[in-house]
Protein backbone atom coordinates (compact mmCIF):
# COMPACT_ATOMS: atom_id res chain seq x y z
CA MET A 1 74.44 39.22 80.75
CA ARG A 2 72.31 36.87 78.65
CA THR A 3 73.67 38.47 75.49
CA ALA A 4 77.30 38.04 76.57
CA TYR A 5 79.76 36.74 74.03
CA GLY A 6 83.39 35.71 74.18
CA PHE A 7 84.23 34.55 77.69
CA LEU A 8 80.65 33.55 78.59
CA SER A 9 79.42 32.53 75.13
CA THR A 10 79.83 28.81 75.91
CA ALA A 11 78.62 28.97 79.52
CA SER A 12 75.77 26.63 80.42
CA ALA A 13 72.27 28.01 80.84
CA ALA A 14 72.45 27.22 84.58
CA LEU A 15 75.65 29.21 85.03
CA THR A 16 74.39 32.12 82.93
CA ASP A 17 71.12 32.21 84.90
CA MET A 18 73.03 32.14 88.18
CA LEU A 19 75.24 35.09 87.18
CA GLU A 20 72.23 37.01 85.87
CA GLY A 21 70.40 36.52 89.14
CA LEU A 22 73.32 37.88 91.16
CA ALA A 23 73.97 40.95 89.02
CA THR A 24 73.35 44.55 90.04
CA ASP A 25 73.53 47.62 87.78
CA ILE A 26 76.07 50.43 88.11
CA LYS A 27 76.46 53.61 86.04
CA MET A 28 79.69 55.28 84.94
CA THR A 29 80.51 58.68 83.48
CA LYS A 30 82.95 59.31 80.61
CA GLY A 31 86.54 59.07 81.83
CA GLN A 32 85.62 57.32 85.08
CA VAL A 33 87.98 54.51 86.08
CA LEU A 34 86.22 51.26 86.97
CA PHE A 35 89.38 49.72 88.40
CA GLU A 36 93.14 50.08 88.06
CA ALA A 37 95.85 47.46 87.69
CA GLY A 38 96.84 46.38 91.19
CA ASP A 39 93.42 47.03 92.74
CA ARG A 40 91.92 44.07 94.56
CA GLY A 41 89.39 42.36 92.31
CA ASP A 42 86.07 41.47 93.91
CA ALA A 43 83.64 41.41 90.97
CA LEU A 44 83.20 40.81 87.26
CA PHE A 45 81.27 43.19 85.02
CA GLY A 46 79.08 42.88 81.94
CA VAL A 47 78.72 45.91 79.67
CA VAL A 48 75.06 46.84 79.05
CA GLU A 49 75.52 50.30 77.49
CA GLY A 50 78.52 52.39 76.47
CA ALA A 51 82.15 51.32 76.07
CA LEU A 52 85.18 50.74 78.31
CA GLU A 53 88.86 50.64 77.39
CA VAL A 54 91.05 48.01 79.02
CA SER A 55 94.75 48.93 79.13
CA VAL A 56 98.05 48.31 80.88
CA TYR A 57 100.96 50.66 81.57
CA SER A 58 104.71 50.07 81.51
CA GLU A 59 106.98 51.24 84.30
CA ASP A 60 107.88 54.34 82.27
CA GLY A 61 104.21 55.25 81.79
CA ARG A 62 103.67 53.98 78.23
CA LYS A 63 100.15 52.66 77.64
CA LEU A 64 99.18 49.50 75.77
CA ALA A 65 95.45 49.40 75.06
CA LEU A 66 94.23 45.81 75.12
CA ASP A 67 90.57 46.03 74.19
CA ILE A 68 87.43 48.13 73.92
CA MET A 69 84.56 46.44 75.72
CA ARG A 70 81.13 47.18 74.25
CA PRO A 71 77.60 45.94 75.12
CA GLY A 72 77.62 42.17 75.60
CA ALA A 73 81.28 42.03 76.67
CA VAL A 74 82.46 40.78 80.07
CA LEU A 75 85.51 42.11 81.93
CA GLY A 76 87.19 41.32 85.23
CA GLU A 77 86.21 37.68 84.81
CA ILE A 78 89.43 36.38 86.39
CA THR A 79 87.81 37.42 89.68
CA LEU A 80 85.52 34.40 89.39
CA PHE A 81 88.55 32.21 90.02
CA ASP A 82 90.92 34.40 92.03
CA PRO A 83 89.97 37.69 93.76
CA GLY A 84 93.54 38.95 93.55
CA PRO A 85 95.01 42.15 92.10
CA ARG A 86 93.55 43.46 88.86
CA THR A 87 95.86 42.87 85.90
CA ALA A 88 94.72 45.89 83.86
CA THR A 89 92.96 49.24 84.10
CA ALA A 90 89.38 49.75 82.84
CA THR A 91 88.16 53.25 81.93
CA ALA A 92 84.80 54.39 80.55
CA LEU A 93 85.17 55.91 77.08
CA GLU A 94 81.61 57.25 77.29
CA PRO A 95 78.68 57.16 79.74
CA SER A 96 78.14 53.47 80.45
CA VAL A 97 75.92 51.03 82.31
CA LEU A 98 77.42 47.81 83.69
CA ARG A 99 76.10 44.72 85.49
CA ARG A 100 78.24 43.66 88.46
CA VAL A 101 78.56 40.19 89.99
CA ARG A 102 80.59 39.88 93.19
CA HIS A 103 83.01 37.00 93.77
CA SER A 104 81.64 36.26 97.24
CA ASP A 105 78.09 35.89 95.89
CA VAL A 106 79.29 33.45 93.20
CA LEU A 107 81.07 31.31 95.80
CA ALA A 108 77.94 31.21 97.94
CA GLU A 109 75.88 29.95 95.00
CA ILE A 110 78.48 27.36 93.99
CA SER A 111 78.43 25.95 97.53
CA LYS A 112 74.72 25.26 96.94
CA SER A 113 75.22 23.89 93.41
CA PRO A 114 78.77 22.41 93.18
CA GLU A 115 78.18 21.23 89.59
CA LEU A 116 78.49 24.86 88.47
CA ALA A 117 82.17 24.73 89.43
CA ILE A 118 82.77 22.43 86.44
CA ASP A 119 81.44 25.14 84.12
CA LEU A 120 83.75 27.69 85.71
CA ILE A 121 86.79 25.43 85.31
CA HIS A 122 85.92 24.99 81.62
CA LEU A 123 85.66 28.75 81.17
CA ALA A 124 88.98 29.28 82.96
CA GLY A 125 90.71 26.93 80.51
CA GLN A 126 89.24 28.77 77.54
CA ARG A 127 90.38 32.10 78.95
CA MET A 128 93.94 30.84 79.45
CA ARG A 129 94.12 29.66 75.84
CA TYR A 130 92.81 33.03 74.63
CA MET A 131 95.39 34.96 76.65
CA ASN A 132 98.16 32.70 75.37
CA ARG A 133 97.13 33.42 71.75
CA GLN A 134 97.07 37.14 72.48
CA LEU A 135 100.58 37.00 73.94
CA ASN A 136 101.94 35.02 71.00
CA GLU A 137 100.45 37.49 68.53
CA GLN A 138 101.87 40.47 70.40
CA VAL A 139 105.36 38.99 70.48
CA PHE A 140 105.75 37.13 67.19
CA LEU A 141 103.43 38.61 64.54
CA PRO A 142 104.54 41.57 62.36
CA VAL A 143 102.86 44.95 62.82
CA PRO A 144 100.67 44.85 59.65
CA LEU A 145 99.17 41.50 60.63
CA ARG A 146 98.58 42.60 64.23
CA LEU A 147 97.05 45.86 63.06
CA ALA A 148 94.74 44.17 60.55
CA ARG A 149 93.50 41.72 63.18
CA LYS A 150 92.92 44.48 65.71
CA ILE A 151 90.97 46.65 63.24
CA LEU A 152 88.83 43.67 62.21
CA TYR A 153 88.15 42.86 65.84
CA LEU A 154 87.30 46.42 66.84
CA THR A 155 84.95 46.91 63.88
CA GLN A 156 83.07 43.63 64.13
CA SER A 157 79.34 43.88 64.70
CA ASP A 158 76.47 41.50 65.33
CA ALA A 159 74.19 43.74 63.28
CA PRO A 160 74.10 43.41 59.48
CA GLN A 161 76.33 46.19 58.23
CA PRO A 162 77.91 46.75 54.80
CA PRO A 163 81.73 46.99 54.92
CA GLN A 164 81.77 50.57 53.63
CA ASP A 165 79.86 51.71 56.75
CA VAL A 166 82.27 50.19 59.27
CA ARG A 167 84.15 53.05 60.93
CA LEU A 168 86.70 53.05 63.75
CA LYS A 169 87.04 56.31 65.69
CA LEU A 170 90.59 55.90 66.96
CA SER A 171 93.64 58.01 66.19
CA GLN A 172 96.81 56.47 64.81
CA ALA A 173 98.45 56.96 68.20
CA GLU A 174 95.59 55.06 69.88
CA LEU A 175 95.82 52.26 67.31
CA ALA A 176 99.55 52.05 68.03
CA GLU A 177 98.70 51.54 71.70
CA PHE A 178 96.43 48.66 70.77
CA VAL A 179 99.02 46.77 68.74
CA GLY A 180 102.13 47.60 70.77
CA ALA A 181 103.83 49.46 67.91
CA THR A 182 105.11 52.96 67.20
CA ARG A 183 102.79 55.55 65.71
CA GLU A 184 105.16 55.83 62.74
CA ALA A 185 104.87 52.10 61.98
CA VAL A 186 101.07 52.25 62.16
CA SER A 187 100.94 55.38 60.00
CA LYS A 188 103.12 53.78 57.33
CA THR A 189 100.97 50.65 57.26
CA LEU A 190 97.70 52.60 57.07
CA SER A 191 99.06 54.77 54.26
CA SER A 192 99.86 51.65 52.25
CA TRP A 193 96.38 50.22 52.83
CA LYS A 194 94.78 53.54 51.93
CA LYS A 195 96.71 53.59 48.65
CA ASP A 196 95.47 50.06 47.91
CA GLY A 197 91.84 50.99 48.64
CA VAL A 198 91.52 48.82 51.72
CA ILE A 199 90.69 51.67 54.11
CA GLU A 200 90.04 55.39 54.24
CA ALA A 201 92.02 57.20 56.95
CA SER A 202 91.61 60.68 58.43
CA ARG A 203 92.40 62.53 61.64
CA GLY A 204 89.07 61.36 63.07
CA GLY A 205 89.76 57.67 62.56
CA LEU A 206 89.41 55.23 59.68
CA LYS A 207 86.78 53.50 57.62
CA VAL A 208 87.09 49.92 56.34
CA ILE A 209 86.44 49.89 52.59
CA ASP A 210 87.46 46.36 51.65
CA ARG A 211 86.94 44.04 54.60
CA SER A 212 87.81 40.93 52.57
CA ALA A 213 91.20 42.39 51.69
CA LEU A 214 91.83 43.24 55.33
CA GLU A 215 90.89 39.68 56.34
CA LEU A 216 93.44 38.40 53.85
CA ILE A 217 96.14 40.62 55.35
CA ALA A 218 95.20 39.30 58.80
CA ASP A 219 95.83 35.72 57.66
CA PRO A 220 99.24 34.51 58.94
CA ASP A 221 99.83 32.80 55.58
CA PHE A 222 99.40 36.09 53.70
CA VAL A 223 102.49 37.07 51.72
């Protein structure tokens, strides 16, 4: 998990080393469910290889995809603070390798080094702020802005990569699940961006042509 970003990117070296020392590897096949919403959470996971989709379902069965977790990402981290029911479902999109850290092992280590609890409290606060921003965006931002932000997020890469080579292999229906919108609204928005030369869209997904223009659309002050 040393290459973890996001949730653990600001963790201290001591906390990162502790989690690394407790981790064990598990393998998943494509389509395998790691956990479902409502399952009891007893571990967090770091993605080493592959990709997992994190999603939630409404009472009538509609799916809202929240994220795609790729190598370096951490999921199930709320378990560090509260081993209660899982709040989402995680499914392998392809064969994957994860590193698992169990809640009980973390507690045992913190009892030996109480100062690590301060790091965990700091991380919990960061996570709460992140989730609050996500909720505000989902509720208050218009579809084009939400869609632009989601595409930028899902096509970001740590490796140097020219914008014309950034491709997202998701259907319009799957993108709609990610932004909490109808497929028709997403299709209309993508068609407009395609006409303006911002993206190329096909049945197999889309390719970002003008990342700067998409970043401008993702700005809340964009008119």
